[in-house]
Structures are given as C-alpha cells and as structure tokens.
PDB file of N, CA and C in Angstrom:
ATOM      1  N   MET A   1       0.641  -0.933  -0.388  1.00  0.00           N
ATOM      2  CA  MET A   1       0.053   0.123  -0.045  1.00  0.00           C
ATOM      3  C   MET A   1       1.131   1.332   0.029  1.00  0.00           C
ATOM      4  N   ASN A   2       0.416   2.115  -0.848  1.00  0.00           N
ATOM      5  CA  ASN A   2       1.516   3.464  -0.669  1.00  0.00           C
ATOM      6  C   ASN A   2       1.108   4.266   0.226  1.00  0.00           C
ATOM      7  N   GLU A   3       2.294   4.912   1.128  1.00  0.00           N
ATOM      8  CA  GLU A   3       2.132   5.355   2.278  1.00  0.00           C
ATOM      9  C   GLU A   3       2.534   6.662   1.964  1.00  0.00           C
ATOM     10  N   GLY A   4       3.418   7.342   1.043  1.00  0.00           N
ATOM     11  CA  GLY A   4       4.048   8.454   0.392  1.00  0.00           C
ATOM     12  C   GLY A   4       2.479   9.364  -0.097  1.00  0.00           C
ATOM     13  N   LYS A   5       3.592  10.503  -0.712  1.00  0.00           N
ATOM     14  CA  LYS A   5       2.342  11.570  -1.576  1.00  0.00           C
ATOM     15  C   LYS A   5       1.818  11.286  -2.684  1.00  0.00           C
ATOM     16  N   LEU A   6       1.732  11.235  -3.529  1.00  0.00           N
ATOM     17  CA  LEU A   6       1.445  11.519  -4.961  1.00  0.00           C
ATOM     18  C   LEU A   6       2.500  12.206  -5.830  1.00  0.00           C
ATOM     19  N   VAL A   7       2.859  11.812  -6.874  1.00  0.00           N
ATOM     20  CA  VAL A   7       4.025  12.338  -7.517  1.00  0.00           C
ATOM     21  C   VAL A   7       3.725  13.815  -7.841  1.00  0.00           C
ATOM     22  N   PHE A   8       2.331  14.255  -8.323  1.00  0.00           N
ATOM     23  CA  PHE A   8       1.810  15.593  -8.773  1.00  0.00           C
ATOM     24  C   PHE A   8       2.100  16.458  -7.361  1.00  0.00           C
ATOM     25  N   SER A   9       1.948  16.315  -5.899  1.00  0.00           N
ATOM     26  CA  SER A   9       1.673  16.845  -5.077  1.00  0.00           C
ATOM     27  C   SER A   9       3.079  16.993  -4.578  1.00  0.00           C
ATOM     28  N   GLN A  10       3.787  16.311  -4.755  1.00  0.00           N
ATOM     29  CA  GLN A  10       5.330  16.362  -4.510  1.00  0.00           C
ATOM     30  C   GLN A  10       5.531  17.566  -5.552  1.00  0.00           C
ATOM     31  N   LEU A  11       5.659  17.449  -7.046  1.00  0.00           N
ATOM     32  CA  LEU A  11       5.631  18.229  -7.909  1.00  0.00           C
ATOM     33  C   LEU A  11       5.364  19.752  -7.471  1.00  0.00           C
ATOM     34  N   MET A  12       4.165  19.782  -7.129  1.00  0.00           N
ATOM     35  CA  MET A  12       3.365  21.170  -6.565  1.00  0.00           C
ATOM     36  C   MET A  12       3.972  21.810  -4.999  1.00  0.00           C
ATOM     37  N   GLU A  13       4.874  21.119  -4.770  1.00  0.00           N
ATOM     38  CA  GLU A  13       5.523  21.839  -3.404  1.00  0.00           C
ATOM     39  C   GLU A  13       6.468  22.404  -3.742  1.00  0.00           C
ATOM     40  N   PHE A  14       6.832  22.531  -5.021  1.00  0.00           N
ATOM     41  CA  PHE A  14       8.110  23.160  -5.703  1.00  0.00           C
ATOM     42  C   PHE A  14       7.559  24.719  -6.491  1.00  0.00           C
ATOM     43  N   PHE A  15       6.203  24.390  -6.628  1.00  0.00           N
ATOM     44  CA  PHE A  15       5.575  26.084  -7.169  1.00  0.00           C
ATOM     45  C   PHE A  15       5.677  26.923  -6.062  1.00  0.00           C
ATOM     46  N   PRO A  16       6.113  28.474  -6.378  1.00  0.00           N
ATOM     47  CA  PRO A  16       6.351  29.391  -5.255  1.00  0.00           C
ATOM     48  C   PRO A  16       5.088  29.893  -4.888  1.00  0.00           C
ATOM     49  N   TRP A  17       4.091  29.356  -3.552  1.00  0.00           N
ATOM     50  CA  TRP A  17       2.992  29.689  -3.526  1.00  0.00           C
ATOM     51  C   TRP A  17       2.752  30.917  -3.242  1.00  0.00           C
ATOM     52  N   ARG A  18       3.813  31.501  -2.040  1.00  0.00           N
ATOM     53  CA  ARG A  18       3.291  32.598  -1.349  1.00  0.00           C
ATOM     54  C   ARG A  18       3.691  34.114  -2.500  1.00  0.00           C
ATOM     55  N   ARG A  19       4.024  33.784  -3.392  1.00  0.00           N
ATOM     56  CA  ARG A  19       4.457  34.711  -4.726  1.00  0.00           C
ATOM     57  C   ARG A  19       3.170  34.936  -5.424  1.00  0.00           C
ATOM     58  N   PHE A  20       2.842  33.179  -6.249  1.00  0.00           N
ATOM     59  CA  PHE A  20       1.395  33.368  -6.444  1.00  0.00           C
ATOM     60  C   PHE A  20      -0.174  33.702  -6.081  1.00  0.00           C
ATOM     61  N   ASP A  21       0.242  33.914  -4.444  1.00  0.00           N
ATOM     62  CA  ASP A  21      -1.042  34.421  -3.601  1.00  0.00           C
ATOM     63  C   ASP A  21      -0.765  35.654  -3.496  1.00  0.00           C
ATOM     64  N   THR A  22       0.404  36.153  -3.767  1.00  0.00           N
ATOM     65  CA  THR A  22       0.429  37.870  -3.397  1.00  0.00           C
ATOM     66  C   THR A  22       0.110  38.348  -4.986  1.00  0.00           C
ATOM     67  N   CYS A  23       0.418  37.368  -6.148  1.00  0.00           N
ATOM     68  CA  CYS A  23      -0.091  37.743  -7.529  1.00  0.00           C
ATOM     69  C   CYS A  23      -1.551  37.995  -7.497  1.00  0.00           C
ATOM     70  N   VAL A  24      -2.283  37.141  -6.852  1.00  0.00           N
ATOM     71  CA  VAL A  24      -3.417  36.910  -6.974  1.00  0.00           C
ATOM     72  C   VAL A  24      -4.429  38.197  -6.315  1.00  0.00           C
ATOM     73  N   ARG A  25      -3.726  38.271  -4.923  1.00  0.00           N
ATOM     74  CA  ARG A  25      -4.121  39.596  -4.184  1.00  0.00           C
ATOM     75  C   ARG A  25      -4.388  40.684  -4.572  1.00  0.00           C
ATOM     76  N   ARG A  26      -3.153  41.252  -5.365  1.00  0.00           N
ATOM     77  CA  ARG A  26      -2.515  41.736  -6.071  1.00  0.00           C
ATOM     78  C   ARG A  26      -3.497  42.744  -7.278  1.00  0.00           C
ATOM     79  N   TYR A  27      -3.799  41.596  -7.658  1.00  0.00           N
ATOM     80  CA  TYR A  27      -4.668  41.973  -8.885  1.00  0.00           C
ATOM     81  C   TYR A  27      -6.115  41.382  -9.123  1.00  0.00           C
ATOM     82  N   HIS A  28      -6.309  41.045  -7.909  1.00  0.00           N
ATOM     83  CA  HIS A  28      -7.829  40.696  -7.227  1.00  0.00           C
ATOM     84  C   HIS A  28      -8.016  39.301  -8.557  1.00  0.00           C
ATOM     85  N   GLY A  29      -7.290  38.303  -8.876  1.00  0.00           N
ATOM     86  CA  GLY A  29      -7.830  36.953  -9.184  1.00  0.00           C
ATOM     87  C   GLY A  29      -9.153  36.413  -8.769  1.00  0.00           C
ATOM     88  N   ASP A  30      -9.183  36.394  -7.234  1.00  0.00           N
ATOM     89  CA  ASP A  30     -10.404  35.514  -6.976  1.00  0.00           C
ATOM     90  C   ASP A  30     -11.898  36.490  -6.473  1.00  0.00           C
ATOM     91  N   TYR A  31     -11.602  38.023  -6.824  1.00  0.00           N
ATOM     92  CA  TYR A  31     -12.681  38.615  -7.203  1.00  0.00           C
ATOM     93  C   TYR A  31     -14.152  38.202  -7.507  1.00  0.00           C
ATOM     94  N   LYS A  32     -14.869  38.187  -6.857  1.00  0.00           N
ATOM     95  CA  LYS A  32     -16.280  37.272  -7.089  1.00  0.00           C
ATOM     96  C   LYS A  32     -16.221  35.675  -7.291  1.00  0.00           C
ATOM     97  N   VAL A  33     -15.537  35.069  -7.116  1.00  0.00           N
ATOM     98  CA  VAL A  33     -15.064  33.848  -7.245  1.00  0.00           C
ATOM     99  C   VAL A  33     -15.672  33.187  -5.911  1.00  0.00           C
ATOM    100  N   GLN A  34     -16.358  32.084  -6.412  1.00  0.00           N
ATOM    101  CA  GLN A  34     -17.195  30.913  -5.096  1.00  0.00           C
ATOM    102  C   GLN A  34     -17.034  29.825  -5.098  1.00  0.00           C
ATOM    103  N   SER A  35     -16.205  29.583  -6.018  1.00  0.00           N
ATOM    104  CA  SER A  35     -15.886  27.427  -5.901  1.00  0.00           C
ATOM    105  C   SER A  35     -15.075  27.241  -6.368  1.00  0.00           C
ATOM    106  N   PHE A  36     -14.518  27.768  -7.025  1.00  0.00           N
ATOM    107  CA  PHE A  36     -13.368  27.723  -8.098  1.00  0.00           C
ATOM    108  C   PHE A  36     -12.017  28.841  -7.944  1.00  0.00           C
ATOM    109  N   PRO A  37     -11.526  28.799  -6.848  1.00  0.00           N
ATOM    110  CA  PRO A  37     -10.168  29.905  -6.726  1.00  0.00           C
ATOM    111  C   PRO A  37      -8.756  29.609  -7.905  1.00  0.00           C
ATOM    112  N   CYS A  38      -8.242  30.685  -7.927  1.00  0.00           N
ATOM    113  CA  CYS A  38      -7.132  30.819  -8.820  1.00  0.00           C
ATOM    114  C   CYS A  38      -6.266  29.695  -8.726  1.00  0.00           C
ATOM    115  N   SER A  39      -5.940  29.133  -7.360  1.00  0.00           N
ATOM    116  CA  SER A  39      -4.636  28.145  -6.926  1.00  0.00           C
ATOM    117  C   SER A  39      -5.485  26.549  -7.633  1.00  0.00           C
ATOM    118  N   GLU A  40      -7.014  26.338  -7.476  1.00  0.00           N
ATOM    119  CA  GLU A  40      -7.547  25.010  -8.181  1.00  0.00           C
ATOM    120  C   GLU A  40      -7.093  25.250  -9.428  1.00  0.00           C
ATOM    121  N   GLN A  41      -7.434  26.123 -10.260  1.00  0.00           N
ATOM    122  CA  GLN A  41      -7.192  26.427 -11.427  1.00  0.00           C
ATOM    123  C   GLN A  41      -6.128  26.047 -12.116  1.00  0.00           C
ATOM    124  N   LEU A  42      -4.966  26.414 -11.441  1.00  0.00           N
ATOM    125  CA  LEU A  42      -3.662  26.212 -11.645  1.00  0.00           C
ATOM    126  C   LEU A  42      -3.211  25.100 -11.654  1.00  0.00           C
ATOM    127  N   ARG A  43      -3.890  24.136 -10.455  1.00  0.00           N
ATOM    128  CA  ARG A  43      -3.501  22.762 -10.245  1.00  0.00           C
ATOM    129  C   ARG A  43      -4.091  21.938 -11.092  1.00  0.00           C
ATOM    130  N   VAL A  44      -5.180  22.267 -11.685  1.00  0.00           N
ATOM    131  CA  VAL A  44      -6.160  21.994 -12.946  1.00  0.00           C
ATOM    132  C   VAL A  44      -5.328  21.803 -14.082  1.00  0.00           C
ATOM    133  N   MET A  45      -4.381  22.855 -14.365  1.00  0.00           N
ATOM    134  CA  MET A  45      -3.791  23.032 -15.497  1.00  0.00           C
ATOM    135  C   MET A  45      -2.811  22.535 -15.814  1.00  0.00           C
ATOM    136  N   ALA A  46      -1.877  22.638 -14.207  1.00  0.00           N
ATOM    137  CA  ALA A  46      -0.689  21.985 -14.464  1.00  0.00           C
ATOM    138  C   ALA A  46      -0.822  20.194 -14.566  1.00  0.00           C
ATOM    139  N   PHE A  47      -1.541  19.913 -13.851  1.00  0.00           N
ATOM    140  CA  PHE A  47      -2.108  18.418 -14.430  1.00  0.00           C
ATOM    141  C   PHE A  47      -2.251  18.122 -15.745  1.00  0.00           C
ATOM    142  N   ALA A  48      -3.367  18.995 -16.446  1.00  0.00           N
ATOM    143  CA  ALA A  48      -3.290  18.603 -17.514  1.00  0.00           C
ATOM    144  C   ALA A  48      -2.438  18.706 -18.466  1.00  0.00           C
ATOM    145  N   GLN A  49      -1.188  20.128 -18.313  1.00  0.00           N
ATOM    146  CA  GLN A  49      -0.022  19.728 -19.310  1.00  0.00           C
ATOM    147  C   GLN A  49       0.764  18.638 -18.639  1.00  0.00           C
ATOM    148  N   LEU A  50       0.839  18.323 -17.478  1.00  0.00           N
ATOM    149  CA  LEU A  50       1.550  17.025 -17.236  1.00  0.00           C
ATOM    150  C   LEU A  50       1.150  15.829 -18.094  1.00  0.00           C
ATOM    151  N   THR A  51      -0.274  15.294 -17.992  1.00  0.00           N
ATOM    152  CA  THR A  51      -0.955  14.362 -18.807  1.00  0.00           C
ATOM    153  C   THR A  51      -0.932  14.419 -19.780  1.00  0.00           C
ATOM    154  N   TYR A  52      -0.404  15.783 -20.860  1.00  0.00           N
ATOM    155  CA  TYR A  52      -1.127  15.763 -22.168  1.00  0.00           C
ATOM    156  C   TYR A  52      -2.394  15.674 -22.682  1.00  0.00           C
ATOM    157  N   ARG A  53      -3.421  16.605 -21.796  1.00  0.00           N
ATOM    158  CA  ARG A  53      -4.750  16.665 -22.179  1.00  0.00           C
ATOM    159  C   ARG A  53      -4.980  18.181 -23.004  1.00  0.00           C
ATOM    160  N   GLU A  54      -5.871  17.627 -23.828  1.00  0.00           N
ATOM    161  CA  GLU A  54      -6.310  18.378 -24.767  1.00  0.00           C
ATOM    162  C   GLU A  54      -7.463  19.326 -24.917  1.00  0.00           C
ATOM    163  N   SER A  55      -8.394  18.942 -24.504  1.00  0.00           N
ATOM    164  CA  SER A  55      -9.573  19.762 -24.313  1.00  0.00           C
ATOM    165  C   SER A  55     -10.054  19.524 -22.851  1.00  0.00           C
ATOM    166  N   LEU A  56     -11.181  20.621 -22.783  1.00  0.00           N
ATOM    167  CA  LEU A  56     -11.814  20.692 -21.576  1.00  0.00           C
ATOM    168  C   LEU A  56     -12.503  19.316 -21.517  1.00  0.00           C
ATOM    169  N   ARG A  57     -13.103  18.603 -22.257  1.00  0.00           N
ATOM    170  CA  ARG A  57     -13.557  17.574 -21.896  1.00  0.00           C
ATOM    171  C   ARG A  57     -12.525  16.666 -21.265  1.00  0.00           C
ATOM    172  N   ASP A  58     -11.673  16.165 -22.162  1.00  0.00           N
ATOM    173  CA  ASP A  58     -10.613  15.573 -21.794  1.00  0.00           C
ATOM    174  C   ASP A  58      -9.929  15.816 -20.191  1.00  0.00           C
ATOM    175  N   ILE A  59      -9.779  17.088 -20.332  1.00  0.00           N
ATOM    176  CA  ILE A  59      -9.594  17.038 -18.469  1.00  0.00           C
ATOM    177  C   ILE A  59     -10.576  17.137 -17.306  1.00  0.00           C
ATOM    178  N   GLU A  60     -11.916  16.969 -17.599  1.00  0.00           N
ATOM    179  CA  GLU A  60     -12.745  16.720 -16.701  1.00  0.00           C
ATOM    180  C   GLU A  60     -12.874  15.235 -16.736  1.00  0.00           C
ATOM    181  N   THR A  61     -13.185  14.127 -17.467  1.00  0.00           N
ATOM    182  CA  THR A  61     -13.105  13.149 -18.080  1.00  0.00           C
ATOM    183  C   THR A  61     -11.749  12.260 -17.078  1.00  0.00           C
ATOM    184  N   CYS A  62     -10.890  13.195 -17.039  1.00  0.00           N
ATOM    185  CA  CYS A  62      -9.276  12.349 -16.628  1.00  0.00           C
ATOM    186  C   CYS A  62      -9.361  12.670 -14.838  1.00  0.00           C
ATOM    187  N   LEU A  63     -10.119  13.819 -14.397  1.00  0.00           N
ATOM    188  CA  LEU A  63      -9.985  14.156 -13.519  1.00  0.00           C
ATOM    189  C   LEU A  63     -11.032  13.500 -12.552  1.00  0.00           C
ATOM    190  N   ARG A  64     -12.357  13.104 -13.059  1.00  0.00           N
ATOM    191  CA  ARG A  64     -13.417  12.255 -12.329  1.00  0.00           C
ATOM    192  C   ARG A  64     -12.608  11.325 -12.609  1.00  0.00           C
ATOM    193  N   ALA A  65     -12.288  10.430 -13.292  1.00  0.00           N
ATOM    194  CA  ALA A  65     -11.101   9.065 -13.066  1.00  0.00           C
ATOM    195  C   ALA A  65     -10.655   9.083 -11.924  1.00  0.00           C
ATOM    196  N   VAL A  66     -10.046   9.993 -11.505  1.00  0.00           N
ATOM    197  CA  VAL A  66      -9.204   9.766 -10.285  1.00  0.00           C
ATOM    198  C   VAL A  66      -9.937  10.881  -9.102  1.00  0.00           C
ATOM    199  N   LYS A  67     -11.045  10.299  -8.810  1.00  0.00           N
ATOM    200  CA  LYS A  67     -11.774  11.261  -8.020  1.00  0.00           C
ATOM    201  C   LYS A  67     -11.172  11.113  -6.530  1.00  0.00           C
ATOM    202  N   THR A  68     -10.866  10.050  -6.250  1.00  0.00           N
ATOM    203  CA  THR A  68     -10.478   9.814  -4.910  1.00  0.00           C
ATOM    204  C   THR A  68      -9.258  10.540  -4.434  1.00  0.00           C
ATOM    205  N   LYS A  69      -8.212  10.308  -5.418  1.00  0.00           N
ATOM    206  CA  LYS A  69      -6.817  11.014  -5.614  1.00  0.00           C
ATOM    207  C   LYS A  69      -6.779  12.516  -5.675  1.00  0.00           C
ATOM    208  N   ARG A  70      -7.681  13.026  -5.964  1.00  0.00           N
ATOM    209  CA  ARG A  70      -8.328  14.936  -6.234  1.00  0.00           C
ATOM    210  C   ARG A  70      -7.546  15.328  -5.120  1.00  0.00           C
ATOM    211  N   TYR A  71      -8.386  14.969  -3.856  1.00  0.00           N
ATOM    212  CA  TYR A  71      -8.077  15.641  -2.941  1.00  0.00           C
ATOM    213  C   TYR A  71      -6.332  15.794  -2.165  1.00  0.00           C
ATOM    214  N   HIS A  72      -5.830  14.811  -2.373  1.00  0.00           N
ATOM    215  CA  HIS A  72      -4.375  14.249  -1.902  1.00  0.00           C
ATOM    216  C   HIS A  72      -3.908  15.201  -2.998  1.00  0.00           C
ATOM    217  N   MET A  73      -4.352  15.302  -4.238  1.00  0.00           N
ATOM    218  CA  MET A  73      -3.272  16.425  -5.532  1.00  0.00           C
ATOM    219  C   MET A  73      -3.620  17.757  -5.103  1.00  0.00           C
ATOM    220  N   GLY A  74      -4.447  17.666  -3.804  1.00  0.00           N
ATOM    221  CA  GLY A  74      -4.863  19.067  -3.816  1.00  0.00           C
ATOM    222  C   GLY A  74      -5.779  20.044  -4.810  1.00  0.00           C
ATOM    223  N   ILE A  75      -6.626  19.583  -5.334  1.00  0.00           N
ATOM    224  CA  ILE A  75      -7.754  20.005  -5.936  1.00  0.00           C
ATOM    225  C   ILE A  75      -8.543  19.516  -4.792  1.00  0.00           C
ATOM    226  N   ARG A  76      -9.921  20.538  -4.130  1.00  0.00           N
ATOM    227  CA  ARG A  76     -10.171  20.223  -3.558  1.00  0.00           C
ATOM    228  C   ARG A  76     -11.592  20.864  -4.219  1.00  0.00           C
ATOM    229  N   SER A  77     -12.237  21.156  -5.167  1.00  0.00           N
ATOM    230  CA  SER A  77     -13.398  21.744  -5.591  1.00  0.00           C
ATOM    231  C   SER A  77     -13.391  21.138  -6.945  1.00  0.00           C
ATOM    232  N   SER A  78     -15.253  20.894  -7.002  1.00  0.00           N
ATOM    233  CA  SER A  78     -15.339  20.288  -8.034  1.00  0.00           C
ATOM    234  C   SER A  78     -14.937  20.697  -8.947  1.00  0.00           C
ATOM    235  N   VAL A  79     -14.649  19.725 -10.187  1.00  0.00           N
ATOM    236  CA  VAL A  79     -13.763  20.056 -11.768  1.00  0.00           C
ATOM    237  C   VAL A  79     -15.194  19.782 -12.828  1.00  0.00           C
ATOM    238  N   SER A  80     -15.514  20.791 -13.541  1.00  0.00           N
ATOM    239  CA  SER A  80     -16.484  20.649 -14.495  1.00  0.00           C
ATOM    240  C   SER A  80     -16.029  21.622 -16.067  1.00  0.00           C
ATOM    241  N   ARG A  81     -16.577  21.202 -16.755  1.00  0.00           N
ATOM    242  CA  ARG A  81     -16.050  21.916 -18.042  1.00  0.00           C
ATOM    243  C   ARG A  81     -16.864  23.511 -17.966  1.00  0.00           C
ATOM    244  N   ASN A  82     -17.979  23.947 -16.813  1.00  0.00           N
ATOM    245  CA  ASN A  82     -18.181  25.322 -17.304  1.00  0.00           C
ATOM    246  C   ASN A  82     -17.266  25.748 -16.089  1.00  0.00           C
ATOM    247  N   ASN A  83     -16.887  25.199 -14.964  1.00  0.00           N
ATOM    248  CA  ASN A  83     -15.777  25.887 -13.954  1.00  0.00           C
ATOM    249  C   ASN A  83     -14.762  26.343 -14.796  1.00  0.00           C
ATOM    250  N   LEU A  84     -14.096  25.079 -15.573  1.00  0.00           N
ATOM    251  CA  LEU A  84     -13.063  25.485 -16.370  1.00  0.00           C
ATOM    252  C   LEU A  84     -13.111  26.422 -17.415  1.00  0.00           C
ATOM    253  N   SER A  85     -13.876  26.551 -18.086  1.00  0.00           N
ATOM    254  CA  SER A  85     -14.603  27.515 -19.489  1.00  0.00           C
ATOM    255  C   SER A  85     -14.543  29.080 -18.715  1.00  0.00           C
ATOM    256  N   HIS A  86     -15.125  29.233 -17.365  1.00  0.00           N
ATOM    257  CA  HIS A  86     -15.240  30.216 -16.735  1.00  0.00           C
ATOM    258  C   HIS A  86     -14.177  30.834 -16.178  1.00  0.00           C
ATOM    259  N   ALA A  87     -13.155  29.804 -15.703  1.00  0.00           N
ATOM    260  CA  ALA A  87     -11.825  30.351 -15.216  1.00  0.00           C
ATOM    261  C   ALA A  87     -11.091  30.475 -16.172  1.00  0.00           C
ATOM    262  N   ASN A  88     -11.254  29.858 -17.388  1.00  0.00           N
ATOM    263  CA  ASN A  88     -10.110  30.030 -18.633  1.00  0.00           C
ATOM    264  C   ASN A  88     -10.624  31.695 -19.009  1.00  0.00           C
TER     265      ASN A  88
END
C-alpha cells in the first residue's frame, strides 16, 4: 500500500505559492469567485499539461477518473467543464 505523497503533489510543493498568492491578491484574481479559486485552476491546468490533456472534456474526464485521489493532489473543489471554461 502506498504511504507516500502522489508525484503530482510532490511537484506542486516546488511551486512558489506565496508569490502566487501575492499576485492573486494584488490583481484581484479571486474577486467574486465562489467555488473555483485561482490556485485550483492552476493545479488543474498543471495536471492537464503534465498528462497531455487536449480539451476541457478530456481534463474533466481524467479528473473524474481519479476522483478519490483529487483531494490528495490539492484539488479540493469540483471540476466541471463549466468551471474550467469560466475560469479560463
């Protein structure tokens, strides 16, 4: 049984989150956002890039397939094509 972190969450630890949060606050990136903040979008887009996803439907399908591991990857909100398209 796996007792360590997922590879994706280990990669996300190298990302400069403090600087990212500073930019989000400075430019009001999460203004009027209720369910899908900028940090979630970044994680989803990084996951899509690393797994060679080509469309929003493909991203959504892949993330629904790993629904039990999504929380451990740092993606805590629900991911739908509507959320992704509005965030992009």
